[in-house]
Amino acid sequence: MPQLDKLDKSILNLLQNDASITTAEIAEKVGLTTTPCWRRIQRLQEQNVIHKTVTLLNPDKLNLKLTVFVHVKAARHDSTWLKKFADHASSFEEVVEFYRLSGELDYMLKVLVSDMQGYDHFYKRFIAGIELRDVTSSFAMEKIKNSTAMPLSNA
């Protein structure tokens, strides 16, 4: 695991909050000159600490106003079914996050849709494509915290 010093963490915090910030602006804010700052960013990319750079879109502006957490209990637990299920669930653009869990539930999907009718359309296509033991949906009523920034205190 890469060793991150205070400057690395400061650079990462700045980039997490605004990936469009220039190297010169980062350098000024962390107290470096541009070239050493650029080298640090390059090293963080080479070490895959900076995994990728993306643009975050506003779901409300894209008419994705309903967030649904879909909890799935697997029909089977063999490797063939698990691969098929992972491929099936990942194929839906509405599924923006997908986790395998420990405990009573096997999987959780975060699904973004326009409204209840949009979710119903997704649900019918989702369950038609694979055998499932149980599917339960929870609808987010309010978004209290939503961050893409990683905590860096333990890095």
N, C-alpha and C. Protein backbone atom coordinates (compact mmCIF):
# COMPACT_ATOMS: atom_id res chain seq x y z
N MET A 1 0.85 -1.18 0.00
CA MET A 1 0.00 0.00 0.00
C MET A 1 0.90 1.24 0.00
N PRO A 2 0.58 2.21 -0.86
CA PRO A 2 1.41 3.41 -0.95
C PRO A 2 1.38 4.21 0.36
N GLN A 3 2.53 4.79 0.70
CA GLN A 3 2.61 5.66 1.86
C GLN A 3 2.24 7.08 1.41
N LEU A 4 1.25 7.65 2.06
CA LEU A 4 0.81 9.01 1.72
C LEU A 4 1.22 9.96 2.83
N ASP A 5 1.89 11.03 2.46
CA ASP A 5 2.24 12.04 3.46
C ASP A 5 1.17 13.14 3.46
N LYS A 6 1.40 14.13 4.29
CA LYS A 6 0.43 15.21 4.45
C LYS A 6 0.16 15.95 3.13
N LEU A 7 1.21 16.18 2.35
CA LEU A 7 1.04 16.86 1.06
C LEU A 7 0.20 16.02 0.09
N ASP A 8 0.49 14.70 0.04
CA ASP A 8 -0.31 13.82 -0.82
C ASP A 8 -1.78 13.90 -0.45
N LYS A 9 -2.07 13.84 0.84
CA LYS A 9 -3.46 13.88 1.31
C LYS A 9 -4.11 15.23 0.97
N SER A 10 -3.36 16.30 1.10
CA SER A 10 -3.90 17.62 0.74
C SER A 10 -4.22 17.68 -0.75
N ILE A 11 -3.31 17.16 -1.57
CA ILE A 11 -3.55 17.12 -3.02
C ILE A 11 -4.78 16.29 -3.33
N LEU A 12 -4.89 15.12 -2.72
CA LEU A 12 -6.04 14.24 -2.97
C LEU A 12 -7.35 14.89 -2.54
N ASN A 13 -7.33 15.58 -1.40
CA ASN A 13 -8.56 16.27 -0.96
C ASN A 13 -8.98 17.32 -1.96
N LEU A 14 -8.03 18.08 -2.47
CA LEU A 14 -8.36 19.10 -3.46
C LEU A 14 -8.93 18.46 -4.73
N LEU A 15 -8.30 17.41 -5.21
CA LEU A 15 -8.76 16.75 -6.43
C LEU A 15 -10.11 16.07 -6.25
N GLN A 16 -10.37 15.52 -5.05
CA GLN A 16 -11.66 14.89 -4.80
C GLN A 16 -12.80 15.90 -4.85
N ASN A 17 -12.52 17.11 -4.46
CA ASN A 17 -13.55 18.14 -4.43
C ASN A 17 -13.73 18.84 -5.77
N ASP A 18 -12.66 18.85 -6.59
CA ASP A 18 -12.75 19.50 -7.90
C ASP A 18 -11.62 18.97 -8.78
N ALA A 19 -11.93 17.98 -9.59
CA ALA A 19 -10.92 17.36 -10.46
C ALA A 19 -10.48 18.29 -11.58
N SER A 20 -11.19 19.38 -11.80
CA SER A 20 -10.81 20.30 -12.87
C SER A 20 -9.79 21.34 -12.40
N ILE A 21 -9.43 21.31 -11.14
CA ILE A 21 -8.45 22.27 -10.62
C ILE A 21 -7.10 22.03 -11.31
N THR A 22 -6.42 23.10 -11.64
CA THR A 22 -5.15 22.97 -12.35
C THR A 22 -4.03 22.57 -11.38
N THR A 23 -2.98 22.01 -11.94
CA THR A 23 -1.82 21.65 -11.14
C THR A 23 -1.22 22.90 -10.48
N ALA A 24 -1.21 24.00 -11.18
CA ALA A 24 -0.69 25.25 -10.62
C ALA A 24 -1.51 25.68 -9.41
N GLU A 25 -2.83 25.57 -9.51
CA GLU A 25 -3.69 25.94 -8.37
C GLU A 25 -3.47 25.01 -7.18
N ILE A 26 -3.33 23.72 -7.46
CA ILE A 26 -3.07 22.76 -6.39
C ILE A 26 -1.74 23.08 -5.72
N ALA A 27 -0.72 23.29 -6.55
CA ALA A 27 0.62 23.59 -6.02
C ALA A 27 0.58 24.80 -5.09
N GLU A 28 -0.10 25.84 -5.52
CA GLU A 28 -0.19 27.05 -4.70
C GLU A 28 -0.89 26.77 -3.36
N LYS A 29 -1.96 26.00 -3.41
CA LYS A 29 -2.74 25.73 -2.19
C LYS A 29 -2.00 24.83 -1.20
N VAL A 30 -1.13 23.92 -1.70
CA VAL A 30 -0.42 23.02 -0.80
C VAL A 30 1.00 23.47 -0.49
N GLY A 31 1.44 24.58 -1.12
CA GLY A 31 2.76 25.12 -0.82
C GLY A 31 3.90 24.47 -1.58
N LEU A 32 3.65 24.03 -2.79
CA LEU A 32 4.68 23.46 -3.65
C LEU A 32 4.80 24.30 -4.91
N THR A 33 5.86 24.05 -5.66
CA THR A 33 5.92 24.61 -7.01
C THR A 33 5.23 23.61 -7.94
N THR A 34 4.97 24.03 -9.15
CA THR A 34 4.17 23.23 -10.08
C THR A 34 4.79 21.88 -10.41
N THR A 35 6.07 21.84 -10.71
CA THR A 35 6.70 20.59 -11.14
C THR A 35 6.66 19.50 -10.06
N PRO A 36 7.06 19.76 -8.81
CA PRO A 36 6.96 18.71 -7.80
C PRO A 36 5.51 18.29 -7.52
N CYS A 37 4.61 19.22 -7.62
CA CYS A 37 3.19 18.90 -7.44
C CYS A 37 2.73 17.97 -8.56
N TRP A 38 3.09 18.29 -9.80
CA TRP A 38 2.74 17.45 -10.94
C TRP A 38 3.32 16.05 -10.78
N ARG A 39 4.57 15.96 -10.30
CA ARG A 39 5.21 14.65 -10.09
C ARG A 39 4.45 13.84 -9.04
N ARG A 40 4.01 14.49 -7.99
CA ARG A 40 3.24 13.78 -6.96
C ARG A 40 1.93 13.25 -7.53
N ILE A 41 1.25 14.06 -8.32
CA ILE A 41 -0.01 13.62 -8.94
C ILE A 41 0.25 12.45 -9.87
N GLN A 42 1.31 12.52 -10.66
CA GLN A 42 1.68 11.42 -11.56
C GLN A 42 1.95 10.14 -10.76
N ARG A 43 2.68 10.26 -9.65
CA ARG A 43 2.97 9.09 -8.81
C ARG A 43 1.69 8.50 -8.23
N LEU A 44 0.78 9.35 -7.78
CA LEU A 44 -0.49 8.88 -7.23
C LEU A 44 -1.32 8.17 -8.29
N GLN A 45 -1.22 8.63 -9.53
CA GLN A 45 -1.92 7.95 -10.63
C GLN A 45 -1.24 6.61 -10.95
N GLU A 46 0.08 6.59 -11.01
CA GLU A 46 0.82 5.36 -11.29
C GLU A 46 0.57 4.30 -10.22
N GLN A 47 0.44 4.73 -8.96
CA GLN A 47 0.18 3.80 -7.85
C GLN A 47 -1.29 3.42 -7.75
N ASN A 48 -2.11 3.96 -8.65
CA ASN A 48 -3.55 3.70 -8.69
C ASN A 48 -4.28 4.21 -7.44
N VAL A 49 -3.66 5.16 -6.73
CA VAL A 49 -4.37 5.86 -5.65
C VAL A 49 -5.44 6.73 -6.30
N ILE A 50 -5.06 7.43 -7.35
CA ILE A 50 -6.04 8.13 -8.20
C ILE A 50 -6.44 7.11 -9.25
N HIS A 51 -7.62 6.55 -9.06
CA HIS A 51 -8.10 5.46 -9.90
C HIS A 51 -8.60 5.94 -11.26
N LYS A 52 -9.40 7.00 -11.24
CA LYS A 52 -9.86 7.62 -12.48
C LYS A 52 -10.44 8.99 -12.18
N THR A 53 -10.61 9.77 -13.21
CA THR A 53 -11.18 11.11 -13.08
C THR A 53 -12.49 11.12 -13.85
N VAL A 54 -13.55 11.57 -13.18
CA VAL A 54 -14.87 11.54 -13.80
C VAL A 54 -15.58 12.89 -13.59
N THR A 55 -16.67 13.06 -14.29
CA THR A 55 -17.56 14.19 -14.06
C THR A 55 -18.81 13.66 -13.40
N LEU A 56 -19.18 14.24 -12.28
CA LEU A 56 -20.38 13.82 -11.56
C LEU A 56 -21.58 14.63 -12.08
N LEU A 57 -22.62 13.92 -12.42
CA LEU A 57 -23.81 14.57 -12.95
C LEU A 57 -24.86 14.72 -11.86
N ASN A 58 -25.73 15.70 -12.02
CA ASN A 58 -26.81 15.94 -11.07
C ASN A 58 -28.01 15.08 -11.46
N PRO A 59 -28.35 14.07 -10.65
CA PRO A 59 -29.45 13.17 -11.02
C PRO A 59 -30.79 13.89 -11.18
N ASP A 60 -31.03 14.92 -10.39
CA ASP A 60 -32.30 15.65 -10.51
C ASP A 60 -32.44 16.32 -11.88
N LYS A 61 -31.34 16.82 -12.42
CA LYS A 61 -31.37 17.47 -13.73
C LYS A 61 -31.53 16.46 -14.86
N LEU A 62 -31.33 15.18 -14.54
CA LEU A 62 -31.48 14.11 -15.53
C LEU A 62 -32.77 13.32 -15.31
N ASN A 63 -33.66 13.89 -14.51
CA ASN A 63 -34.94 13.26 -14.18
C ASN A 63 -34.75 11.89 -13.52
N LEU A 64 -33.75 11.79 -12.66
CA LEU A 64 -33.52 10.57 -11.88
C LEU A 64 -33.79 10.91 -10.42
N LYS A 65 -35.06 11.07 -10.13
CA LYS A 65 -35.47 11.61 -8.83
C LYS A 65 -35.76 10.54 -7.78
N LEU A 66 -35.79 9.27 -8.20
CA LEU A 66 -36.11 8.21 -7.25
C LEU A 66 -34.90 7.29 -7.09
N THR A 67 -34.42 7.18 -5.85
CA THR A 67 -33.33 6.27 -5.51
C THR A 67 -33.93 5.07 -4.80
N VAL A 68 -33.60 3.89 -5.31
CA VAL A 68 -34.14 2.65 -4.75
C VAL A 68 -32.98 1.74 -4.38
N PHE A 69 -33.04 1.18 -3.17
CA PHE A 69 -32.08 0.18 -2.75
C PHE A 69 -32.78 -1.17 -2.86
N VAL A 70 -32.26 -2.00 -3.74
CA VAL A 70 -32.86 -3.30 -4.03
C VAL A 70 -32.03 -4.36 -3.32
N HIS A 71 -32.68 -5.13 -2.45
CA HIS A 71 -32.03 -6.18 -1.68
C HIS A 71 -32.43 -7.52 -2.28
N VAL A 72 -31.45 -8.36 -2.55
CA VAL A 72 -31.70 -9.62 -3.24
C VAL A 72 -31.19 -10.78 -2.41
N LYS A 73 -32.01 -11.81 -2.30
CA LYS A 73 -31.57 -13.10 -1.78
C LYS A 73 -31.39 -14.02 -2.97
N ALA A 74 -30.22 -14.64 -3.05
CA ALA A 74 -29.87 -15.47 -4.19
C ALA A 74 -30.72 -16.73 -4.24
N ALA A 75 -31.02 -17.16 -5.45
CA ALA A 75 -31.73 -18.42 -5.65
C ALA A 75 -30.79 -19.59 -5.40
N ARG A 76 -29.53 -19.42 -5.77
CA ARG A 76 -28.53 -20.47 -5.58
C ARG A 76 -27.21 -19.79 -5.20
N HIS A 77 -26.26 -20.59 -4.82
CA HIS A 77 -24.96 -20.02 -4.43
C HIS A 77 -23.80 -20.69 -5.16
N ASP A 78 -24.06 -21.28 -6.31
CA ASP A 78 -22.96 -21.86 -7.07
C ASP A 78 -22.33 -20.80 -7.97
N SER A 79 -21.12 -21.06 -8.41
CA SER A 79 -20.35 -20.05 -9.16
C SER A 79 -21.00 -19.69 -10.50
N THR A 80 -21.67 -20.64 -11.14
CA THR A 80 -22.33 -20.36 -12.41
C THR A 80 -23.46 -19.35 -12.22
N TRP A 81 -24.30 -19.58 -11.22
CA TRP A 81 -25.40 -18.65 -10.96
C TRP A 81 -24.86 -17.29 -10.55
N LEU A 82 -23.85 -17.27 -9.69
CA LEU A 82 -23.30 -16.00 -9.20
C LEU A 82 -22.75 -15.17 -10.36
N LYS A 83 -22.05 -15.79 -11.29
CA LYS A 83 -21.53 -15.07 -12.46
C LYS A 83 -22.68 -14.55 -13.31
N LYS A 84 -23.67 -15.39 -13.53
CA LYS A 84 -24.82 -14.98 -14.35
C LYS A 84 -25.55 -13.80 -13.69
N PHE A 85 -25.73 -13.88 -12.38
CA PHE A 85 -26.41 -12.79 -11.68
C PHE A 85 -25.60 -11.50 -11.74
N ALA A 86 -24.30 -11.58 -11.52
CA ALA A 86 -23.45 -10.38 -11.57
C ALA A 86 -23.52 -9.74 -12.96
N ASP A 87 -23.45 -10.54 -13.99
CA ASP A 87 -23.55 -10.02 -15.36
C ASP A 87 -24.92 -9.41 -15.62
N HIS A 88 -25.97 -10.10 -15.15
CA HIS A 88 -27.34 -9.62 -15.36
C HIS A 88 -27.56 -8.27 -14.67
N ALA A 89 -27.25 -8.20 -13.38
CA ALA A 89 -27.50 -6.97 -12.62
C ALA A 89 -26.64 -5.81 -13.15
N SER A 90 -25.43 -6.10 -13.54
CA SER A 90 -24.53 -5.06 -14.03
C SER A 90 -24.94 -4.52 -15.39
N SER A 91 -25.77 -5.25 -16.11
CA SER A 91 -26.15 -4.84 -17.46
C SER A 91 -27.17 -3.71 -17.49
N PHE A 92 -27.78 -3.38 -16.37
CA PHE A 92 -28.80 -2.33 -16.32
C PHE A 92 -28.16 -0.98 -16.02
N GLU A 93 -28.38 0.01 -16.88
CA GLU A 93 -27.80 1.33 -16.64
C GLU A 93 -28.40 1.98 -15.38
N GLU A 94 -29.58 1.57 -14.98
CA GLU A 94 -30.21 2.13 -13.78
C GLU A 94 -29.46 1.71 -12.51
N VAL A 95 -28.74 0.61 -12.56
CA VAL A 95 -27.97 0.13 -11.41
C VAL A 95 -26.65 0.89 -11.38
N VAL A 96 -26.52 1.79 -10.40
CA VAL A 96 -25.32 2.61 -10.31
C VAL A 96 -24.33 2.10 -9.26
N GLU A 97 -24.79 1.26 -8.35
CA GLU A 97 -23.91 0.60 -7.38
C GLU A 97 -24.46 -0.80 -7.16
N PHE A 98 -23.54 -1.74 -6.86
CA PHE A 98 -23.92 -3.15 -6.77
C PHE A 98 -22.94 -3.84 -5.82
N TYR A 99 -23.45 -4.41 -4.73
CA TYR A 99 -22.62 -5.00 -3.70
C TYR A 99 -23.06 -6.41 -3.36
N ARG A 100 -22.09 -7.28 -3.08
CA ARG A 100 -22.35 -8.59 -2.48
C ARG A 100 -22.17 -8.40 -0.98
N LEU A 101 -23.12 -8.91 -0.20
CA LEU A 101 -23.15 -8.65 1.23
C LEU A 101 -22.93 -9.91 2.05
N SER A 102 -22.56 -9.72 3.30
CA SER A 102 -22.60 -10.80 4.28
C SER A 102 -23.92 -10.67 5.02
N GLY A 103 -24.33 -11.70 5.70
CA GLY A 103 -25.54 -11.63 6.50
C GLY A 103 -26.74 -12.21 5.79
N GLU A 104 -27.92 -11.76 6.17
CA GLU A 104 -29.18 -12.32 5.70
C GLU A 104 -29.45 -12.06 4.22
N LEU A 105 -29.04 -10.91 3.74
CA LEU A 105 -29.24 -10.56 2.33
C LEU A 105 -27.95 -10.82 1.56
N ASP A 106 -28.09 -11.22 0.32
CA ASP A 106 -26.91 -11.56 -0.48
C ASP A 106 -26.36 -10.39 -1.28
N TYR A 107 -27.24 -9.54 -1.81
CA TYR A 107 -26.82 -8.45 -2.68
C TYR A 107 -27.64 -7.20 -2.41
N MET A 108 -27.02 -6.04 -2.67
CA MET A 108 -27.74 -4.78 -2.62
C MET A 108 -27.37 -3.99 -3.86
N LEU A 109 -28.38 -3.47 -4.53
CA LEU A 109 -28.19 -2.63 -5.71
C LEU A 109 -28.75 -1.25 -5.42
N LYS A 110 -28.04 -0.24 -5.84
CA LYS A 110 -28.57 1.12 -5.80
C LYS A 110 -29.03 1.44 -7.21
N VAL A 111 -30.31 1.78 -7.33
CA VAL A 111 -30.94 1.98 -8.62
C VAL A 111 -31.47 3.42 -8.69
N LEU A 112 -31.20 4.11 -9.78
CA LEU A 112 -31.72 5.46 -10.01
C LEU A 112 -32.71 5.42 -11.16
N VAL A 113 -33.91 5.92 -10.90
CA VAL A 113 -34.97 5.98 -11.92
C VAL A 113 -35.73 7.29 -11.77
N SER A 114 -36.60 7.57 -12.73
CA SER A 114 -37.33 8.83 -12.72
C SER A 114 -38.44 8.86 -11.67
N ASP A 115 -39.16 7.75 -11.55
CA ASP A 115 -40.32 7.72 -10.66
C ASP A 115 -40.73 6.27 -10.43
N MET A 116 -41.85 6.06 -9.75
CA MET A 116 -42.30 4.71 -9.44
C MET A 116 -42.58 3.90 -10.70
N GLN A 117 -43.11 4.54 -11.71
CA GLN A 117 -43.36 3.84 -12.98
C GLN A 117 -42.03 3.39 -13.61
N GLY A 118 -41.04 4.25 -13.52
CA GLY A 118 -39.71 3.89 -14.02
C GLY A 118 -39.12 2.72 -13.26
N TYR A 119 -39.35 2.70 -11.93
CA TYR A 119 -38.86 1.57 -11.14
C TYR A 119 -39.60 0.29 -11.51
N ASP A 120 -40.91 0.38 -11.69
CA ASP A 120 -41.69 -0.79 -12.06
C ASP A 120 -41.19 -1.38 -13.37
N HIS A 121 -40.88 -0.52 -14.33
CA HIS A 121 -40.34 -0.96 -15.62
C HIS A 121 -38.99 -1.68 -15.40
N PHE A 122 -38.12 -1.08 -14.59
CA PHE A 122 -36.83 -1.71 -14.28
C PHE A 122 -37.05 -3.06 -13.59
N TYR A 123 -37.90 -3.08 -12.58
CA TYR A 123 -38.13 -4.28 -11.77
C TYR A 123 -38.60 -5.46 -12.63
N LYS A 124 -39.52 -5.20 -13.52
CA LYS A 124 -40.05 -6.28 -14.36
C LYS A 124 -38.95 -6.86 -15.26
N ARG A 125 -38.12 -6.01 -15.81
CA ARG A 125 -37.01 -6.50 -16.64
C ARG A 125 -35.97 -7.22 -15.80
N PHE A 126 -35.71 -6.71 -14.61
CA PHE A 126 -34.70 -7.28 -13.72
C PHE A 126 -35.08 -8.70 -13.29
N ILE A 127 -36.32 -8.88 -12.81
CA ILE A 127 -36.70 -10.20 -12.31
C ILE A 127 -36.96 -11.20 -13.43
N ALA A 128 -37.24 -10.71 -14.62
CA ALA A 128 -37.50 -11.63 -15.73
C ALA A 128 -36.23 -12.29 -16.24
N GLY A 129 -35.08 -11.71 -15.96
CA GLY A 129 -33.85 -12.19 -16.56
C GLY A 129 -33.11 -13.25 -15.79
N ILE A 130 -33.52 -13.53 -14.53
CA ILE A 130 -32.77 -14.50 -13.73
C ILE A 130 -33.62 -14.99 -12.57
N GLU A 131 -33.35 -16.20 -12.14
CA GLU A 131 -34.07 -16.79 -11.01
C GLU A 131 -33.55 -16.18 -9.71
N LEU A 132 -34.47 -15.67 -8.88
CA LEU A 132 -34.12 -15.06 -7.60
C LEU A 132 -34.96 -15.69 -6.49
N ARG A 133 -34.43 -15.73 -5.29
CA ARG A 133 -35.20 -16.25 -4.16
C ARG A 133 -36.14 -15.18 -3.61
N ASP A 134 -35.62 -13.95 -3.46
CA ASP A 134 -36.43 -12.87 -2.91
C ASP A 134 -35.84 -11.52 -3.32
N VAL A 135 -36.72 -10.57 -3.58
CA VAL A 135 -36.31 -9.20 -3.90
C VAL A 135 -37.13 -8.26 -3.06
N THR A 136 -36.45 -7.37 -2.36
CA THR A 136 -37.10 -6.36 -1.53
C THR A 136 -36.56 -5.00 -1.92
N SER A 137 -37.42 -4.01 -2.00
CA SER A 137 -37.00 -2.67 -2.40
C SER A 137 -37.27 -1.67 -1.28
N SER A 138 -36.31 -0.79 -1.07
CA SER A 138 -36.47 0.32 -0.14
C SER A 138 -36.29 1.61 -0.92
N PHE A 139 -37.20 2.55 -0.73
CA PHE A 139 -37.18 3.80 -1.47
C PHE A 139 -36.63 4.91 -0.59
N ALA A 140 -35.60 5.61 -1.08
CA ALA A 140 -35.01 6.71 -0.32
C ALA A 140 -36.00 7.86 -0.28
N MET A 141 -36.27 8.34 0.91
CA MET A 141 -37.21 9.45 1.08
C MET A 141 -36.47 10.79 1.10
N GLU A 142 -35.22 10.76 1.57
CA GLU A 142 -34.45 11.99 1.66
C GLU A 142 -32.97 11.64 1.57
N LYS A 143 -32.23 12.41 0.80
CA LYS A 143 -30.78 12.24 0.72
C LYS A 143 -30.16 13.15 1.76
N ILE A 144 -29.55 12.57 2.77
CA ILE A 144 -28.98 13.35 3.85
C ILE A 144 -27.50 13.61 3.61
N LYS A 145 -26.77 12.60 3.18
CA LYS A 145 -25.36 12.77 2.81
C LYS A 145 -25.08 11.91 1.60
N ASN A 146 -24.41 12.50 0.64
CA ASN A 146 -24.01 11.78 -0.57
C ASN A 146 -22.67 12.34 -0.99
N SER A 147 -21.60 11.58 -0.78
CA SER A 147 -20.27 12.05 -1.07
C SER A 147 -19.51 11.01 -1.88
N THR A 148 -18.71 11.46 -2.79
CA THR A 148 -17.80 10.57 -3.50
C THR A 148 -16.39 10.66 -2.92
N ALA A 149 -16.17 11.59 -1.99
CA ALA A 149 -14.84 11.78 -1.41
C ALA A 149 -14.51 10.64 -0.46
N MET A 150 -13.30 10.10 -0.60
CA MET A 150 -12.81 9.03 0.27
C MET A 150 -12.22 9.65 1.54
N PRO A 151 -12.46 9.01 2.70
CA PRO A 151 -11.79 9.49 3.91
C PRO A 151 -10.30 9.16 3.83
N LEU A 152 -9.46 10.10 4.21
CA LEU A 152 -8.02 9.92 4.06
C LEU A 152 -7.29 9.81 5.39
N SER A 153 -8.01 9.85 6.52
CA SER A 153 -7.35 9.84 7.82
C SER A 153 -6.61 8.54 8.09
N ASN A 154 -7.02 7.43 7.52
CA ASN A 154 -6.33 6.15 7.75
C ASN A 154 -5.36 5.79 6.64
N ALA A 155 -5.22 6.65 5.65
CA ALA A 155 -4.34 6.35 4.51
C ALA A 155 -2.89 6.57 4.85
